[in-house]
Amino acid sequence: GNLGIAFSDVVVDGLVVEKARDNPNLMGGLQSFSWACRGFGAILSAYFSGALLDMIGVQNVFAITAILPLFVIIASVLIEESKQETMRYSWDEAKATMGQVWEVVRSPAVFPSVAFILAW
């Protein structure tokens, strides 16, 4: 269930990033298309789930819910990827990046939201 959906979400986002890396002009369009497909799927499942439940039963609906993300997992294994060269980072770069992240987190525009989420 949730693991399969999370895995398929990561695969789709990875494919969008990979395609956008090849052609940066596609980034906004691919991301929008991805979210539109997710929204369309959510609407379809909300609309048809009750009727489908009546027609084929609870166990079959759960089986379909489990099988569809499984197809994405299987398809992701079949994707051919080119080998990327490994980038080396120094400890100083990591500290500088973490310093920048900390500055953003404690800024007045961001900190209240972060504190609310952490306190929740």
Foldseek 3Di string as FASTA:
>chain_A
DVVLVVVLVVLLVVVLVVVCVVPVVCNVVSVVVVVVVVVVVVVVCVVCVVVVCVVPHDVVVVVVVVVVSVVSVVVSVVDDDDDDDDDDDDPVVVVVVVVVVVVVCPDPVHVVVVVVVVVD
